[in-house]
Amino acid sequence: MAFWVLQGRLMRGRGLIRALRQDDARQVRARIAELELDLITTAPLGRHRRFEAGHELRRAKLRLEKLEECIG
């Protein structure tokens, strides 16, 4: 049986999977914040970069929604 140490705790089974999903969700939330900041800053990004940032933001929000469903 495999054991993992995550965030200073010994993890296995459903607890491990839940902790991994929560960690993924934290990372996705941080990326969403970065992308939103990129889109609202006054620095000119260029049309293509704004398009890419918007597209990545939509994908990140969908991924976060799915992760939150898994966690809940």
Protein backbone atom coordinates (compact mmCIF):
# COMPACT_ATOMS: atom_id res chain seq x y z
CA MET A 1 0.00 0.00 0.00
CA ALA A 2 1.34 3.41 -0.94
CA PHE A 3 1.52 6.25 1.54
CA TRP A 4 2.14 9.89 0.69
CA VAL A 5 3.15 12.79 2.86
CA LEU A 6 1.23 15.86 1.75
CA GLN A 7 1.27 19.15 3.63
CA GLY A 8 3.07 17.48 6.53
CA ARG A 9 0.46 14.74 6.96
CA LEU A 10 0.56 11.07 6.08
CA MET A 11 -2.07 10.53 3.43
CA ARG A 12 -3.64 7.57 1.64
CA GLY A 13 -6.85 6.65 -0.12
CA ARG A 14 -9.67 9.17 -0.46
CA GLY A 15 -7.93 11.64 1.84
CA LEU A 16 -4.96 11.76 -0.51
CA ILE A 17 -7.11 12.24 -3.59
CA ARG A 18 -9.11 15.00 -1.90
CA ALA A 19 -5.93 16.77 -0.77
CA LEU A 20 -4.48 16.55 -4.29
CA ARG A 21 -7.69 17.98 -5.79
CA GLN A 22 -7.69 20.82 -3.24
CA ASP A 23 -4.07 21.60 -4.08
CA ASP A 24 -4.91 21.62 -7.80
CA ALA A 25 -7.84 23.95 -7.10
CA ARG A 26 -5.56 26.36 -5.20
CA GLN A 27 -3.16 26.45 -8.15
CA VAL A 28 -5.96 27.02 -10.65
CA ARG A 29 -7.39 29.86 -8.49
CA ALA A 30 -3.95 31.50 -8.43
CA ARG A 31 -3.66 31.21 -12.22
CA ILE A 32 -7.16 32.67 -12.66
CA ALA A 33 -6.15 35.65 -10.53
CA GLU A 34 -3.03 36.18 -12.68
CA LEU A 35 -5.02 35.99 -15.91
CA GLU A 36 -7.70 38.37 -14.66
CA LEU A 37 -5.01 40.82 -13.60
CA ASP A 38 -3.41 40.55 -17.05
CA LEU A 39 -6.73 41.36 -18.69
CA ILE A 40 -7.55 44.40 -16.53
CA THR A 41 -4.14 46.03 -16.37
CA THR A 42 -3.57 49.14 -18.44
CA ALA A 43 -0.48 47.71 -20.16
CA PRO A 44 -1.20 47.01 -23.81
CA LEU A 45 -1.11 43.25 -24.31
CA GLY A 46 -1.90 43.14 -27.97
CA ARG A 47 -4.96 41.59 -29.50
CA HIS A 48 -3.56 38.05 -29.79
CA ARG A 49 -2.27 37.96 -26.20
CA ARG A 50 -5.63 39.19 -24.85
CA PHE A 51 -7.40 36.50 -26.87
CA GLU A 52 -5.08 33.80 -25.48
CA ALA A 53 -5.47 35.09 -21.92
CA GLY A 54 -9.25 35.14 -22.25
CA HIS A 55 -9.33 31.64 -23.68
CA GLU A 56 -7.03 30.30 -20.95
CA LEU A 57 -9.17 32.05 -18.33
CA ARG A 58 -12.32 30.31 -19.58
CA ARG A 59 -10.58 26.93 -19.53
CA ALA A 60 -9.20 27.55 -16.03
CA LYS A 61 -12.65 28.49 -14.72
CA LEU A 62 -14.15 25.32 -16.18
CA ARG A 63 -11.35 23.23 -14.66
CA LEU A 64 -11.90 24.88 -11.29
CA GLU A 65 -15.62 24.17 -11.50
CA LYS A 66 -14.94 20.48 -12.18
CA LEU A 67 -12.38 20.28 -9.37
CA GLU A 68 -14.83 21.85 -6.92
CA GLU A 69 -17.46 19.29 -7.95
CA CYS A 70 -14.96 16.49 -7.23
CA ILE A 71 -14.01 17.98 -3.87
CA GLY A 72 -17.64 18.51 -2.83
